[in-house]
Amino acid sequence: MLTPPASLMIYVATQPVDFRKGAEGLALLAKETLGHDPMKGVAVVFRAKRADRVKIVVWDGSGLVMYWKRLDGSGFKWPPIVAGVMRMNAAQLSALVAGMDWTRMHAPRSPQQKALA
């Protein structure tokens, strides 16, 4: 179970990567190609060509961590394959890792305050 802090900046690499890469290789790829360095406190999410695997790299304060998961019998819900990265919040990341459709998660709307006359 992965429970990221709500304040964590999370970026998703929208193009598939070579899943033979380890934590250091993915961190270098994130820094040089995507412009987001996991060593500076951001999490970067990577997908394989097959939509059934995910790797996440992040610095936890004492070392580089790589989280890897494969779904059995189904695939993760991924954004369209385009060049670049996209942002994701902690709740969406938790839903993605659980195999749920994270694109249906939105921040709750807060009621607007009425102005006092």
C-alpha atoms as a PDB file:
ATOM      1  CA  MET A   1       0.000   0.000   0.000  1.00  0.00           C
ATOM      2  CA  LEU A   2       1.406   3.345  -1.046  1.00  0.00           C
ATOM      3  CA  THR A   3       0.203   6.436   0.819  1.00  0.00           C
ATOM      4  CA  PRO A   4       1.970   9.541  -0.424  1.00  0.00           C
ATOM      5  CA  PRO A   5       1.731  12.776   1.577  1.00  0.00           C
ATOM      6  CA  ALA A   6      -0.754  15.269   0.132  1.00  0.00           C
ATOM      7  CA  SER A   7       2.026  17.843  -0.293  1.00  0.00           C
ATOM      8  CA  LEU A   8       4.138  15.589  -2.562  1.00  0.00           C
ATOM      9  CA  MET A   9       4.570  16.903  -6.122  1.00  0.00           C
ATOM     10  CA  ILE A  10       3.822  13.986  -8.475  1.00  0.00           C
ATOM     11  CA  TYR A  11       4.633  13.897 -12.187  1.00  0.00           C
ATOM     12  CA  VAL A  12       3.615  11.204 -14.673  1.00  0.00           C
ATOM     13  CA  ALA A  13       5.836  10.427 -17.659  1.00  0.00           C
ATOM     14  CA  THR A  14       3.197   9.965 -20.336  1.00  0.00           C
ATOM     15  CA  GLN A  15       5.388   7.922 -22.703  1.00  0.00           C
ATOM     16  CA  PRO A  16       6.316   4.313 -21.874  1.00  0.00           C
ATOM     17  CA  VAL A  17       9.884   3.646 -20.722  1.00  0.00           C
ATOM     18  CA  ASP A  18      12.216   0.651 -20.753  1.00  0.00           C
ATOM     19  CA  PHE A  19      11.235  -1.258 -17.608  1.00  0.00           C
ATOM     20  CA  ARG A  20      14.655  -2.889 -17.360  1.00  0.00           C
ATOM     21  CA  LYS A  21      15.864   0.415 -15.862  1.00  0.00           C
ATOM     22  CA  GLY A  22      16.315   0.530 -12.113  1.00  0.00           C
ATOM     23  CA  ALA A  23      15.826   3.389  -9.664  1.00  0.00           C
ATOM     24  CA  GLU A  24      19.003   5.277 -10.626  1.00  0.00           C
ATOM     25  CA  GLY A  25      18.345   4.952 -14.357  1.00  0.00           C
ATOM     26  CA  LEU A  26      14.763   6.184 -13.998  1.00  0.00           C
ATOM     27  CA  ALA A  27      15.837   9.062 -11.736  1.00  0.00           C
ATOM     28  CA  LEU A  28      18.409  10.133 -14.329  1.00  0.00           C
ATOM     29  CA  LEU A  29      15.817   9.840 -17.108  1.00  0.00           C
ATOM     30  CA  ALA A  30      13.380  11.964 -15.088  1.00  0.00           C
ATOM     31  CA  LYS A  31      16.002  14.642 -14.459  1.00  0.00           C
ATOM     32  CA  GLU A  32      17.511  14.845 -17.947  1.00  0.00           C
ATOM     33  CA  THR A  33      14.494  14.166 -20.160  1.00  0.00           C
ATOM     34  CA  LEU A  34      11.497  15.318 -18.131  1.00  0.00           C
ATOM     35  CA  GLY A  35      13.130  18.092 -16.092  1.00  0.00           C
ATOM     36  CA  HIS A  36      11.974  16.759 -12.700  1.00  0.00           C
ATOM     37  CA  ASP A  37      14.590  15.435 -10.285  1.00  0.00           C
ATOM     38  CA  PRO A  38      13.319  12.778  -7.839  1.00  0.00           C
ATOM     39  CA  MET A  39      16.320  13.602  -5.631  1.00  0.00           C
ATOM     40  CA  LYS A  40      14.724  17.003  -4.966  1.00  0.00           C
ATOM     41  CA  GLY A  41      11.534  15.705  -3.372  1.00  0.00           C
ATOM     42  CA  VAL A  42       9.219  14.970  -6.298  1.00  0.00           C
ATOM     43  CA  ALA A  43       7.773  11.607  -7.267  1.00  0.00           C
ATOM     44  CA  VAL A  44       7.928  10.529 -10.900  1.00  0.00           C
ATOM     45  CA  VAL A  45       5.587   7.819 -12.203  1.00  0.00           C
ATOM     46  CA  PHE A  46       6.600   5.677 -15.179  1.00  0.00           C
ATOM     47  CA  ARG A  47       4.617   3.211 -17.279  1.00  0.00           C
ATOM     48  CA  ALA A  48       5.667   0.229 -19.354  1.00  0.00           C
ATOM     49  CA  LYS A  49       4.562  -0.426 -22.938  1.00  0.00           C
ATOM     50  CA  ARG A  50       2.063  -2.875 -21.535  1.00  0.00           C
ATOM     51  CA  ALA A  51      -0.340  -0.897 -19.370  1.00  0.00           C
ATOM     52  CA  ASP A  52      -0.151  -3.472 -16.560  1.00  0.00           C
ATOM     53  CA  ARG A  53       3.049  -2.176 -14.891  1.00  0.00           C
ATOM     54  CA  VAL A  54       4.059   0.995 -13.033  1.00  0.00           C
ATOM     55  CA  LYS A  55       7.293   2.222 -11.411  1.00  0.00           C
ATOM     56  CA  ILE A  56       7.518   5.245  -9.128  1.00  0.00           C
ATOM     57  CA  VAL A  57      10.783   6.834  -8.003  1.00  0.00           C
ATOM     58  CA  VAL A  58      11.072   9.337  -5.165  1.00  0.00           C
ATOM     59  CA  TRP A  59      13.656  10.467  -2.609  1.00  0.00           C
ATOM     60  CA  ASP A  60      12.323   9.774   0.914  1.00  0.00           C
ATOM     61  CA  GLY A  61      14.892  11.880   2.772  1.00  0.00           C
ATOM     62  CA  SER A  62      17.370   9.077   3.368  1.00  0.00           C
ATOM     63  CA  GLY A  63      17.544   7.327   0.012  1.00  0.00           C
ATOM     64  CA  LEU A  64      16.049   6.786  -3.419  1.00  0.00           C
ATOM     65  CA  VAL A  65      12.948   4.588  -3.342  1.00  0.00           C
ATOM     66  CA  MET A  66      11.470   2.711  -6.295  1.00  0.00           C
ATOM     67  CA  TYR A  67       7.950   1.351  -6.046  1.00  0.00           C
ATOM     68  CA  TRP A  68       7.045  -1.283  -8.659  1.00  0.00           C
ATOM     69  CA  LYS A  69       3.676  -2.908  -9.265  1.00  0.00           C
ATOM     70  CA  ARG A  70       2.121  -5.213 -11.859  1.00  0.00           C
ATOM     71  CA  LEU A  71      -1.627  -5.728 -12.079  1.00  0.00           C
ATOM     72  CA  ASP A  72      -2.781  -9.273 -12.762  1.00  0.00           C
ATOM     73  CA  GLY A  73      -5.497  -9.685 -15.350  1.00  0.00           C
ATOM     74  CA  SER A  74      -5.990  -5.996 -16.122  1.00  0.00           C
ATOM     75  CA  GLY A  75      -4.137  -2.768 -16.740  1.00  0.00           C
ATOM     76  CA  PHE A  76      -3.688   0.619 -15.152  1.00  0.00           C
ATOM     77  CA  LYS A  77      -5.638   3.606 -16.460  1.00  0.00           C
ATOM     78  CA  TRP A  78      -3.038   5.804 -18.186  1.00  0.00           C
ATOM     79  CA  PRO A  79      -3.211   9.231 -19.810  1.00  0.00           C
ATOM     80  CA  PRO A  80      -2.824   9.355 -23.609  1.00  0.00           C
ATOM     81  CA  ILE A  81       0.710   8.677 -24.864  1.00  0.00           C
ATOM     82  CA  VAL A  82       2.140  12.089 -25.758  1.00  0.00           C
ATOM     83  CA  ALA A  83       5.494  13.754 -25.210  1.00  0.00           C
ATOM     84  CA  GLY A  84       6.085  15.300 -21.803  1.00  0.00           C
ATOM     85  CA  VAL A  85       4.709  14.950 -18.301  1.00  0.00           C
ATOM     86  CA  MET A  86       1.498  15.667 -16.456  1.00  0.00           C
ATOM     87  CA  ARG A  87       0.722  16.485 -12.819  1.00  0.00           C
ATOM     88  CA  MET A  88      -1.159  14.171 -10.505  1.00  0.00           C
ATOM     89  CA  ASN A  89      -2.208  14.623  -6.878  1.00  0.00           C
ATOM     90  CA  ALA A  90      -1.668  12.122  -4.050  1.00  0.00           C
ATOM     91  CA  ALA A  91      -5.252  10.823  -4.127  1.00  0.00           C
ATOM     92  CA  GLN A  92      -5.057  10.213  -7.877  1.00  0.00           C
ATOM     93  CA  LEU A  93      -1.750   8.359  -7.435  1.00  0.00           C
ATOM     94  CA  SER A  94      -3.271   6.134  -4.749  1.00  0.00           C
ATOM     95  CA  ALA A  95      -6.197   5.353  -7.065  1.00  0.00           C
ATOM     96  CA  LEU A  96      -3.836   4.608  -9.981  1.00  0.00           C
ATOM     97  CA  VAL A  97      -1.750   2.201  -7.895  1.00  0.00           C
ATOM     98  CA  ALA A  98      -4.937   0.486  -6.692  1.00  0.00           C
ATOM     99  CA  GLY A  99      -5.932  -0.118 -10.332  1.00  0.00           C
ATOM    100  CA  MET A 100      -8.855   2.318 -10.214  1.00  0.00           C
ATOM    101  CA  ASP A 101      -9.835   4.941 -12.786  1.00  0.00           C
ATOM    102  CA  TRP A 102      -8.039   7.934 -11.235  1.00  0.00           C
ATOM    103  CA  THR A 103      -9.273  10.281 -13.982  1.00  0.00           C
ATOM    104  CA  ARG A 104     -12.686  10.376 -12.305  1.00  0.00           C
ATOM    105  CA  MET A 105     -11.247  11.839  -9.109  1.00  0.00           C
ATOM    106  CA  HIS A 106     -11.618  15.591  -8.745  1.00  0.00           C
ATOM    107  CA  ALA A 107     -11.122  17.992  -5.894  1.00  0.00           C
ATOM    108  CA  PRO A 108     -14.391  18.668  -4.076  1.00  0.00           C
ATOM    109  CA  ARG A 109     -15.965  21.993  -4.850  1.00  0.00           C
ATOM    110  CA  SER A 110     -16.240  24.259  -1.885  1.00  0.00           C
ATOM    111  CA  PRO A 111     -19.447  26.260  -1.559  1.00  0.00           C
ATOM    112  CA  GLN A 112     -19.021  29.918  -2.367  1.00  0.00           C
ATOM    113  CA  GLN A 113     -19.506  32.311   0.496  1.00  0.00           C
ATOM    114  CA  LYS A 114     -22.277  34.849   0.117  1.00  0.00           C
ATOM    115  CA  ALA A 115     -21.196  38.421   0.626  1.00  0.00           C
ATOM    116  CA  LEU A 116     -22.718  40.168   3.607  1.00  0.00           C
ATOM    117  CA  ALA A 117     -24.346  43.457   2.728  1.00  0.00           C
END
